[in-house]
């Protein structure tokens, strides 16, 4: 067996893809410039997740399979419309509960993508500025995220400040 090394060209092809020279002299597109895989950064992430659910051989007909796909489609629509970030977090939690540990890697990709799309903001009170935090990956309910964010604003007695607020927001993609 002969091992060959691929040499990346200095040129960027059309569409922002990086090309590599193959051993036979041809060229191949490798990945978009910027280093982010298009299949793991956008609605295509959910499409890949749904394809994996369907690939499992008739899981849609099994108990709970149709609900998983319906929730994934609802989540995809909610993210596309960008109207209610809290609803997106609730749908993500519902999808996680429906999966019950199945399709771990595909759902991990979805959670990482959602972390790039959504954020959590908290404030100590009405006239205080909002502090943005990344969406955590290890949550099962929206209330867990809210409690974790509210813990940043303790009152004088060590409890959570009654004036503290939390909201879910979409991250600007510009």
N, C-alpha and C. Protein backbone atom coordinates (compact mmCIF):
# COMPACT_ATOMS: atom_id res chain seq x y z
N UNK A 1 0.84 -1.17 0.00
CA UNK A 1 0.00 0.00 0.00
C UNK A 1 0.89 1.24 0.00
N UNK A 2 0.57 2.17 -0.88
CA UNK A 2 1.34 3.41 -0.99
C UNK A 2 0.55 4.53 -0.33
N UNK A 3 1.20 5.22 0.58
CA UNK A 3 0.55 6.35 1.22
C UNK A 3 0.88 7.61 0.45
N UNK A 4 -0.10 8.44 0.24
CA UNK A 4 0.13 9.71 -0.45
C UNK A 4 -0.32 10.84 0.45
N UNK A 5 0.30 11.98 0.28
CA UNK A 5 -0.07 13.16 1.04
C UNK A 5 -0.83 14.09 0.12
N UNK A 6 -1.91 14.65 0.62
CA UNK A 6 -2.67 15.62 -0.14
C UNK A 6 -2.11 17.01 0.14
N UNK A 7 -1.92 17.78 -0.90
CA UNK A 7 -1.37 19.12 -0.77
C UNK A 7 -2.46 20.15 -1.01
N UNK A 8 -2.83 20.93 -0.02
CA UNK A 8 -3.85 21.95 -0.26
C UNK A 8 -3.31 23.05 -1.16
N UNK A 9 -4.15 23.51 -2.07
CA UNK A 9 -3.78 24.64 -2.92
C UNK A 9 -3.94 25.93 -2.13
N UNK A 10 -3.27 26.95 -2.58
CA UNK A 10 -3.41 28.25 -1.95
C UNK A 10 -4.69 28.95 -2.40
N UNK A 11 -5.32 28.44 -3.45
CA UNK A 11 -6.50 29.09 -4.00
C UNK A 11 -7.76 28.62 -3.28
N UNK A 12 -8.70 29.52 -3.24
CA UNK A 12 -10.02 29.17 -2.74
C UNK A 12 -10.95 29.14 -3.93
N UNK A 13 -11.65 28.04 -4.08
CA UNK A 13 -12.53 27.86 -5.23
C UNK A 13 -13.82 28.65 -5.09
N UNK A 14 -14.71 28.44 -6.02
CA UNK A 14 -16.00 29.12 -5.98
C UNK A 14 -16.81 28.64 -4.80
N UNK A 15 -17.59 29.53 -4.23
CA UNK A 15 -18.42 29.17 -3.09
C UNK A 15 -17.64 29.12 -1.79
N UNK A 16 -16.37 29.57 -1.79
CA UNK A 16 -15.59 29.60 -0.57
C UNK A 16 -15.04 28.26 -0.15
N UNK A 17 -14.96 27.29 -1.05
CA UNK A 17 -14.43 25.99 -0.67
C UNK A 17 -12.93 25.94 -0.91
N UNK A 18 -12.23 25.21 -0.08
CA UNK A 18 -10.81 25.00 -0.25
C UNK A 18 -10.63 23.77 -1.13
N UNK A 19 -9.71 23.83 -2.07
CA UNK A 19 -9.46 22.68 -2.94
C UNK A 19 -8.14 22.05 -2.58
N UNK A 20 -8.04 20.76 -2.85
CA UNK A 20 -6.80 20.02 -2.60
C UNK A 20 -6.41 19.31 -3.88
N UNK A 21 -5.12 19.21 -4.10
CA UNK A 21 -4.61 18.49 -5.26
C UNK A 21 -4.52 17.01 -4.92
N UNK A 22 -5.16 16.18 -5.73
CA UNK A 22 -5.13 14.74 -5.53
C UNK A 22 -3.88 14.16 -6.16
N UNK A 23 -3.48 12.94 -5.80
CA UNK A 23 -2.27 12.34 -6.37
C UNK A 23 -2.30 12.23 -7.89
N UNK A 24 -3.49 12.09 -8.48
CA UNK A 24 -3.56 11.96 -9.93
C UNK A 24 -3.59 13.31 -10.64
N UNK A 25 -3.46 14.41 -9.90
CA UNK A 25 -3.43 15.73 -10.49
C UNK A 25 -4.77 16.43 -10.47
N UNK A 26 -5.84 15.74 -10.13
CA UNK A 26 -7.16 16.35 -10.06
C UNK A 26 -7.31 17.18 -8.80
N UNK A 27 -8.43 17.84 -8.69
CA UNK A 27 -8.71 18.66 -7.52
C UNK A 27 -10.01 18.21 -6.88
N UNK A 28 -10.10 18.40 -5.58
CA UNK A 28 -11.31 18.03 -4.84
C UNK A 28 -11.63 19.12 -3.83
N UNK A 29 -12.91 19.39 -3.67
CA UNK A 29 -13.34 20.35 -2.65
C UNK A 29 -13.28 19.67 -1.30
N UNK A 30 -12.75 20.37 -0.32
CA UNK A 30 -12.57 19.76 0.98
C UNK A 30 -13.58 20.29 2.00
N UNK A 31 -13.57 21.56 2.24
CA UNK A 31 -14.48 22.16 3.21
C UNK A 31 -14.57 23.65 2.92
N UNK A 32 -15.58 24.29 3.41
CA UNK A 32 -15.70 25.72 3.16
C UNK A 32 -14.59 26.49 3.86
N UNK A 33 -14.21 27.60 3.27
CA UNK A 33 -13.24 28.47 3.93
C UNK A 33 -13.88 28.95 5.22
N UNK A 34 -13.11 29.03 6.27
CA UNK A 34 -13.65 29.41 7.57
C UNK A 34 -13.70 28.23 8.51
N UNK A 35 -13.56 27.01 7.98
CA UNK A 35 -13.40 25.83 8.80
C UNK A 35 -14.65 25.23 9.40
N UNK A 36 -15.82 25.73 9.13
CA UNK A 36 -17.03 25.17 9.72
C UNK A 36 -17.72 24.27 8.71
N UNK A 37 -17.98 23.06 9.11
CA UNK A 37 -18.63 22.10 8.21
C UNK A 37 -20.07 22.53 7.96
N UNK A 38 -20.50 22.63 6.71
CA UNK A 38 -21.86 23.10 6.43
C UNK A 38 -22.94 22.14 6.91
N UNK A 39 -22.59 20.88 7.15
CA UNK A 39 -23.58 19.91 7.59
C UNK A 39 -23.76 19.92 9.09
N UNK A 40 -22.96 20.69 9.79
CA UNK A 40 -23.07 20.77 11.24
C UNK A 40 -23.22 22.21 11.70
N UNK A 41 -23.66 23.09 10.82
CA UNK A 41 -23.84 24.48 11.19
C UNK A 41 -25.00 25.07 10.41
N UNK A 42 -26.19 24.74 10.78
CA UNK A 42 -27.37 25.26 10.12
C UNK A 42 -28.49 24.25 10.19
N UNK A 43 -29.57 24.52 9.49
CA UNK A 43 -30.70 23.59 9.50
C UNK A 43 -30.33 22.20 8.99
N UNK A 44 -29.24 22.14 8.22
CA UNK A 44 -28.78 20.83 7.73
C UNK A 44 -28.41 19.91 8.88
N UNK A 45 -28.06 20.48 10.02
CA UNK A 45 -27.75 19.67 11.20
C UNK A 45 -28.99 18.88 11.63
N UNK A 46 -30.12 19.55 11.67
CA UNK A 46 -31.36 18.85 12.01
C UNK A 46 -31.77 17.88 10.92
N UNK A 47 -31.51 18.24 9.66
CA UNK A 47 -31.82 17.32 8.56
C UNK A 47 -31.01 16.03 8.70
N UNK A 48 -29.73 16.17 9.04
CA UNK A 48 -28.88 14.99 9.25
C UNK A 48 -29.36 14.16 10.42
N UNK A 49 -29.80 14.83 11.47
CA UNK A 49 -30.34 14.13 12.63
C UNK A 49 -31.58 13.33 12.25
N UNK A 50 -32.50 13.97 11.51
CA UNK A 50 -33.72 13.27 11.11
C UNK A 50 -33.41 12.12 10.16
N UNK A 51 -32.41 12.29 9.30
CA UNK A 51 -32.02 11.20 8.41
C UNK A 51 -31.50 10.02 9.21
N UNK A 52 -30.75 10.29 10.28
CA UNK A 52 -30.25 9.19 11.11
C UNK A 52 -31.40 8.48 11.83
N UNK A 53 -32.38 9.23 12.27
CA UNK A 53 -33.55 8.63 12.93
C UNK A 53 -34.28 7.73 11.94
N UNK A 54 -34.44 8.19 10.70
CA UNK A 54 -35.13 7.40 9.68
C UNK A 54 -34.32 6.20 9.23
N UNK A 55 -32.99 6.31 9.26
CA UNK A 55 -32.12 5.23 8.80
C UNK A 55 -32.20 4.01 9.70
N UNK A 56 -32.71 4.18 10.89
CA UNK A 56 -32.73 3.08 11.84
C UNK A 56 -33.77 2.03 11.50
N UNK A 57 -34.28 2.05 10.31
CA UNK A 57 -35.16 0.99 9.85
C UNK A 57 -36.55 1.02 10.42
N UNK A 58 -37.35 1.94 9.97
CA UNK A 58 -38.76 1.94 10.36
C UNK A 58 -39.04 2.47 11.73
N UNK A 59 -38.12 3.24 12.29
CA UNK A 59 -38.35 3.73 13.64
C UNK A 59 -39.55 4.66 13.70
N UNK A 60 -39.91 5.28 12.59
CA UNK A 60 -41.06 6.18 12.58
C UNK A 60 -42.32 5.41 12.94
N UNK A 61 -42.39 4.15 12.54
CA UNK A 61 -43.57 3.34 12.85
C UNK A 61 -43.55 2.81 14.27
N UNK A 62 -42.38 2.84 14.90
CA UNK A 62 -42.30 2.38 16.28
C UNK A 62 -42.87 3.45 17.20
N UNK A 63 -43.15 3.04 18.42
CA UNK A 63 -43.71 3.97 19.39
C UNK A 63 -42.74 5.12 19.65
N UNK A 64 -43.21 6.33 19.48
CA UNK A 64 -42.39 7.51 19.74
C UNK A 64 -41.60 8.02 18.56
N UNK A 65 -41.45 7.23 17.50
CA UNK A 65 -40.64 7.65 16.36
C UNK A 65 -41.24 8.83 15.61
N UNK A 66 -42.53 8.80 15.43
CA UNK A 66 -43.20 9.90 14.72
C UNK A 66 -43.12 11.19 15.54
N UNK A 67 -43.24 11.08 16.85
CA UNK A 67 -43.16 12.26 17.71
C UNK A 67 -41.77 12.89 17.65
N UNK A 68 -40.73 12.06 17.57
CA UNK A 68 -39.36 12.59 17.46
C UNK A 68 -39.21 13.42 16.20
N UNK A 69 -39.68 12.88 15.07
CA UNK A 69 -39.58 13.61 13.81
C UNK A 69 -40.44 14.87 13.82
N UNK A 70 -41.63 14.79 14.38
CA UNK A 70 -42.49 15.97 14.45
C UNK A 70 -41.85 17.07 15.29
N UNK A 71 -41.27 16.70 16.42
CA UNK A 71 -40.61 17.69 17.27
C UNK A 71 -39.40 18.28 16.57
N UNK A 72 -38.62 17.45 15.88
CA UNK A 72 -37.45 17.96 15.15
C UNK A 72 -37.88 18.93 14.05
N UNK A 73 -38.96 18.62 13.35
CA UNK A 73 -39.46 19.53 12.32
C UNK A 73 -39.98 20.83 12.94
N UNK A 74 -40.65 20.73 14.07
CA UNK A 74 -41.11 21.94 14.76
C UNK A 74 -39.93 22.80 15.20
N UNK A 75 -38.88 22.16 15.70
CA UNK A 75 -37.68 22.89 16.11
C UNK A 75 -37.02 23.57 14.91
N UNK A 76 -36.94 22.87 13.81
CA UNK A 76 -36.33 23.44 12.60
C UNK A 76 -37.11 24.68 12.15
N UNK A 77 -38.44 24.58 12.16
CA UNK A 77 -39.27 25.72 11.77
C UNK A 77 -39.11 26.89 12.75
N UNK A 78 -39.09 26.59 14.04
CA UNK A 78 -38.97 27.65 15.05
C UNK A 78 -37.64 28.39 14.93
N UNK A 79 -36.57 27.66 14.64
CA UNK A 79 -35.27 28.32 14.49
C UNK A 79 -35.24 29.14 13.21
N UNK A 80 -35.84 28.63 12.14
CA UNK A 80 -35.86 29.36 10.87
C UNK A 80 -36.63 30.68 10.99
N UNK A 81 -37.75 30.68 11.72
CA UNK A 81 -38.55 31.90 11.84
C UNK A 81 -37.95 32.89 12.82
N UNK A 82 -37.15 32.42 13.79
CA UNK A 82 -36.45 33.27 14.77
C UNK A 82 -37.41 34.21 15.51
N UNK A 83 -38.55 33.67 15.93
CA UNK A 83 -39.53 34.50 16.64
C UNK A 83 -39.43 34.35 18.15
N UNK A 84 -39.29 33.11 18.64
CA UNK A 84 -39.34 32.86 20.08
C UNK A 84 -38.21 31.91 20.47
N UNK A 85 -37.15 32.47 21.03
CA UNK A 85 -36.00 31.66 21.42
C UNK A 85 -36.36 30.71 22.57
N UNK A 86 -37.23 31.14 23.47
CA UNK A 86 -37.66 30.28 24.57
C UNK A 86 -38.38 29.04 24.07
N UNK A 87 -39.19 29.20 23.03
CA UNK A 87 -39.89 28.05 22.45
C UNK A 87 -38.89 27.09 21.81
N UNK A 88 -37.82 27.61 21.22
CA UNK A 88 -36.79 26.74 20.64
C UNK A 88 -36.11 25.91 21.72
N UNK A 89 -35.82 26.54 22.86
CA UNK A 89 -35.19 25.81 23.97
C UNK A 89 -36.15 24.74 24.49
N UNK A 90 -37.43 25.07 24.61
CA UNK A 90 -38.41 24.09 25.08
C UNK A 90 -38.53 22.91 24.11
N UNK A 91 -38.52 23.19 22.81
CA UNK A 91 -38.58 22.11 21.82
C UNK A 91 -37.32 21.24 21.87
N UNK A 92 -36.17 21.87 22.07
CA UNK A 92 -34.92 21.11 22.19
C UNK A 92 -34.98 20.17 23.39
N UNK A 93 -35.51 20.66 24.50
CA UNK A 93 -35.64 19.82 25.70
C UNK A 93 -36.63 18.68 25.47
N UNK A 94 -37.73 18.98 24.80
CA UNK A 94 -38.72 17.93 24.51
C UNK A 94 -38.13 16.87 23.60
N UNK A 95 -37.35 17.30 22.61
CA UNK A 95 -36.71 16.34 21.71
C UNK A 95 -35.73 15.46 22.47
N UNK A 96 -34.98 16.05 23.38
CA UNK A 96 -34.03 15.27 24.19
C UNK A 96 -34.76 14.23 25.03
N UNK A 97 -35.89 14.61 25.61
CA UNK A 97 -36.66 13.67 26.43
C UNK A 97 -37.22 12.54 25.58
N UNK A 98 -37.67 12.85 24.37
CA UNK A 98 -38.23 11.83 23.49
C UNK A 98 -37.17 10.84 23.03
N UNK A 99 -35.95 11.30 22.86
CA UNK A 99 -34.88 10.41 22.39
C UNK A 99 -34.45 9.42 23.45
N UNK A 100 -34.48 9.82 24.71
CA UNK A 100 -34.13 8.94 25.82
C UNK A 100 -32.77 8.27 25.62
N UNK A 101 -31.77 9.07 25.20
CA UNK A 101 -30.41 8.55 25.06
C UNK A 101 -30.06 7.97 23.71
N UNK A 102 -31.02 7.77 22.82
CA UNK A 102 -30.72 7.24 21.49
C UNK A 102 -30.14 8.35 20.61
N UNK A 103 -29.44 7.98 19.58
CA UNK A 103 -28.88 8.92 18.60
C UNK A 103 -28.05 10.00 19.28
N UNK A 104 -27.18 9.58 20.19
CA UNK A 104 -26.45 10.53 21.02
C UNK A 104 -25.59 11.48 20.19
N UNK A 105 -24.79 10.94 19.27
CA UNK A 105 -23.87 11.79 18.51
C UNK A 105 -24.62 12.78 17.62
N UNK A 106 -25.64 12.31 16.93
CA UNK A 106 -26.41 13.21 16.06
C UNK A 106 -27.10 14.30 16.88
N UNK A 107 -27.61 13.95 18.04
CA UNK A 107 -28.26 14.96 18.87
C UNK A 107 -27.24 15.90 19.49
N UNK A 108 -26.04 15.41 19.77
CA UNK A 108 -24.97 16.28 20.27
C UNK A 108 -24.65 17.36 19.24
N UNK A 109 -24.62 16.98 17.96
CA UNK A 109 -24.39 17.97 16.90
C UNK A 109 -25.50 19.02 16.89
N UNK A 110 -26.73 18.57 17.09
CA UNK A 110 -27.86 19.51 17.13
C UNK A 110 -27.69 20.46 18.31
N UNK A 111 -27.32 19.94 19.48
CA UNK A 111 -27.13 20.81 20.65
C UNK A 111 -26.01 21.81 20.44
N UNK A 112 -24.91 21.38 19.81
CA UNK A 112 -23.81 22.31 19.53
C UNK A 112 -24.24 23.39 18.55
N UNK A 113 -25.03 23.01 17.55
CA UNK A 113 -25.54 24.01 16.61
C UNK A 113 -26.46 24.99 17.34
N UNK A 114 -27.33 24.47 18.19
CA UNK A 114 -28.24 25.34 18.93
C UNK A 114 -27.47 26.29 19.84
N UNK A 115 -26.33 25.85 20.32
CA UNK A 115 -25.50 26.71 21.16
C UNK A 115 -24.94 27.89 20.36
N UNK A 116 -24.75 27.69 19.06
CA UNK A 116 -24.30 28.79 18.21
C UNK A 116 -25.45 29.69 17.79
N UNK A 117 -26.68 29.20 17.90
CA UNK A 117 -27.86 29.95 17.46
C UNK A 117 -28.53 30.68 18.63
N UNK A 118 -28.55 30.07 19.81
CA UNK A 118 -29.26 30.61 20.97
C UNK A 118 -28.30 30.98 22.08
N UNK A 119 -28.73 31.91 22.92
CA UNK A 119 -27.96 32.28 24.11
C UNK A 119 -28.94 32.58 25.24
N UNK A 120 -28.39 32.68 26.43
CA UNK A 120 -29.17 33.00 27.62
C UNK A 120 -28.69 34.35 28.12
N UNK A 121 -29.61 35.22 28.44
CA UNK A 121 -29.24 36.51 29.02
C UNK A 121 -29.92 36.63 30.38
N UNK A 122 -29.17 37.16 31.34
CA UNK A 122 -29.73 37.38 32.67
C UNK A 122 -29.37 38.78 33.14
N UNK A 123 -30.19 39.28 34.04
CA UNK A 123 -30.00 40.63 34.57
C UNK A 123 -30.31 40.61 36.06
N UNK A 124 -29.60 41.44 36.82
CA UNK A 124 -29.82 41.49 38.26
C UNK A 124 -31.10 42.24 38.62
N UNK A 125 -31.61 43.04 37.71
CA UNK A 125 -32.83 43.80 37.99
C UNK A 125 -33.29 44.57 36.78
N UNK A 126 -34.37 45.31 36.97
CA UNK A 126 -35.00 46.03 35.87
C UNK A 126 -34.07 47.03 35.20
N UNK A 127 -33.29 47.77 35.94
CA UNK A 127 -32.42 48.80 35.37
C UNK A 127 -30.98 48.34 35.19
N UNK A 128 -30.75 47.06 35.31
CA UNK A 128 -29.40 46.52 35.17
C UNK A 128 -29.20 45.97 33.76
N UNK A 129 -27.97 45.99 33.26
CA UNK A 129 -27.74 45.48 31.90
C UNK A 129 -27.86 43.95 31.85
N UNK A 130 -28.18 43.45 30.67
CA UNK A 130 -28.28 42.01 30.44
C UNK A 130 -26.87 41.45 30.24
N UNK A 131 -26.61 40.30 30.83
CA UNK A 131 -25.33 39.60 30.68
C UNK A 131 -25.60 38.34 29.87
N UNK A 132 -24.89 38.20 28.76
CA UNK A 132 -25.11 37.05 27.86
C UNK A 132 -24.19 35.90 28.23
N UNK A 133 -24.76 34.69 28.20
CA UNK A 133 -24.01 33.46 28.44
C UNK A 133 -24.35 32.48 27.34
N UNK A 134 -23.42 31.59 27.08
CA UNK A 134 -23.66 30.54 26.09
C UNK A 134 -24.70 29.55 26.64
N UNK A 135 -25.47 29.00 25.75
CA UNK A 135 -26.44 27.98 26.12
C UNK A 135 -25.68 26.74 26.58
N UNK A 136 -25.93 26.24 27.78
CA UNK A 136 -25.21 25.05 28.23
C UNK A 136 -25.64 23.82 27.44
N UNK A 137 -24.79 22.82 27.41
CA UNK A 137 -25.10 21.59 26.68
C UNK A 137 -25.76 20.54 27.55
N UNK A 138 -25.62 20.66 28.86
CA UNK A 138 -26.07 19.60 29.77
C UNK A 138 -27.34 19.98 30.53
N UNK A 139 -28.40 20.20 29.81
CA UNK A 139 -29.66 20.54 30.47
C UNK A 139 -30.77 19.66 29.90
N UNK A 140 -31.78 19.43 30.73
CA UNK A 140 -32.91 18.62 30.30
C UNK A 140 -34.21 19.43 30.28
N UNK A 141 -34.22 20.56 31.00
CA UNK A 141 -35.41 21.40 31.06
C UNK A 141 -35.00 22.87 30.99
N UNK A 142 -35.83 23.72 30.42
CA UNK A 142 -35.50 25.15 30.37
C UNK A 142 -35.31 25.76 31.77
N UNK A 143 -36.03 25.23 32.75
CA UNK A 143 -35.92 25.76 34.11
C UNK A 143 -34.52 25.58 34.68
N UNK A 144 -33.83 24.51 34.27
CA UNK A 144 -32.46 24.29 34.74
C UNK A 144 -31.55 25.41 34.26
N UNK A 145 -31.72 25.82 33.01
CA UNK A 145 -30.91 26.91 32.47
C UNK A 145 -31.24 28.21 33.19
N UNK A 146 -32.52 28.46 33.41
CA UNK A 146 -32.93 29.68 34.10
C UNK A 146 -32.36 29.73 35.51
N UNK A 147 -32.44 28.62 36.24
CA UNK A 147 -31.91 28.58 37.60
C UNK A 147 -30.40 28.80 37.61
N UNK A 148 -29.71 28.20 36.65
CA UNK A 148 -28.26 28.36 36.57
C UNK A 148 -27.90 29.82 36.28
N UNK A 149 -28.67 30.47 35.44
CA UNK A 149 -28.41 31.87 35.11
C UNK A 149 -28.77 32.80 36.26
N UNK A 150 -29.86 32.51 36.96
CA UNK A 150 -30.26 33.33 38.10
C UNK A 150 -29.27 33.24 39.25
N UNK A 151 -28.55 32.14 39.33
CA UNK A 151 -27.57 31.96 40.41
C UNK A 151 -26.44 32.97 40.33
N UNK A 152 -26.30 33.64 39.20
CA UNK A 152 -25.27 34.68 39.07
C UNK A 152 -25.61 35.92 39.88
N UNK A 153 -26.86 36.07 40.27
CA UNK A 153 -27.33 37.30 40.92
C UNK A 153 -27.84 37.01 42.33
N UNK A 154 -26.95 36.67 43.26
CA UNK A 154 -27.42 36.40 44.63
C UNK A 154 -27.81 37.69 45.34
N UNK A 155 -28.81 37.60 46.19
CA UNK A 155 -29.23 38.73 47.01
C UNK A 155 -28.33 38.80 48.24
N UNK A 156 -28.54 39.77 49.07
CA UNK A 156 -27.71 39.96 50.26
C UNK A 156 -27.76 38.77 51.20
N UNK A 157 -28.85 38.00 51.20
CA UNK A 157 -28.98 36.87 52.12
C UNK A 157 -28.49 35.55 51.51
N UNK A 158 -27.91 35.62 50.31
CA UNK A 158 -27.38 34.42 49.67
C UNK A 158 -28.35 33.71 48.76
N UNK A 159 -29.62 34.09 48.79
CA UNK A 159 -30.61 33.50 47.90
C UNK A 159 -30.60 34.25 46.57
N UNK A 160 -31.34 33.74 45.62
CA UNK A 160 -31.45 34.40 44.33
C UNK A 160 -32.22 35.70 44.50
N UNK A 161 -31.71 36.74 43.89
CA UNK A 161 -32.37 38.04 43.96
C UNK A 161 -33.77 37.96 43.34
N UNK A 162 -34.78 38.48 44.02
CA UNK A 162 -36.14 38.43 43.46
C UNK A 162 -36.31 39.33 42.23
N UNK A 163 -35.39 40.23 42.01
CA UNK A 163 -35.46 41.14 40.86
C UNK A 163 -34.74 40.59 39.63
N UNK A 164 -34.00 39.51 39.80
CA UNK A 164 -33.22 38.95 38.68
C UNK A 164 -34.16 38.40 37.62
N UNK A 165 -33.72 38.52 36.36
CA UNK A 165 -34.54 38.08 35.22
C UNK A 165 -33.68 37.26 34.27
N UNK A 166 -34.34 36.39 33.51
CA UNK A 166 -33.67 35.55 32.52
C UNK A 166 -34.49 35.57 31.24
N UNK A 167 -33.79 35.56 30.10
CA UNK A 167 -34.48 35.43 28.82
C UNK A 167 -33.58 34.67 27.85
N UNK A 168 -34.20 34.01 26.90
CA UNK A 168 -33.48 33.33 25.83
C UNK A 168 -33.52 34.22 24.60
N UNK A 169 -32.39 34.32 23.91
CA UNK A 169 -32.29 35.18 22.74
C UNK A 169 -31.58 34.44 21.61
N UNK A 170 -31.80 34.93 20.40
CA UNK A 170 -31.08 34.42 19.24
C UNK A 170 -29.76 35.18 19.11
N UNK A 171 -28.72 34.46 18.78
CA UNK A 171 -27.41 35.07 18.57
C UNK A 171 -27.40 35.67 17.17
N UNK A 172 -26.89 36.88 17.05
CA UNK A 172 -26.77 37.50 15.73
C UNK A 172 -25.75 36.75 14.91
N UNK A 173 -26.11 36.41 13.69
CA UNK A 173 -25.22 35.64 12.83
C UNK A 173 -24.39 36.52 11.92
N UNK A 174 -24.53 37.84 12.04
CA UNK A 174 -23.76 38.74 11.16
C UNK A 174 -22.36 38.90 11.62
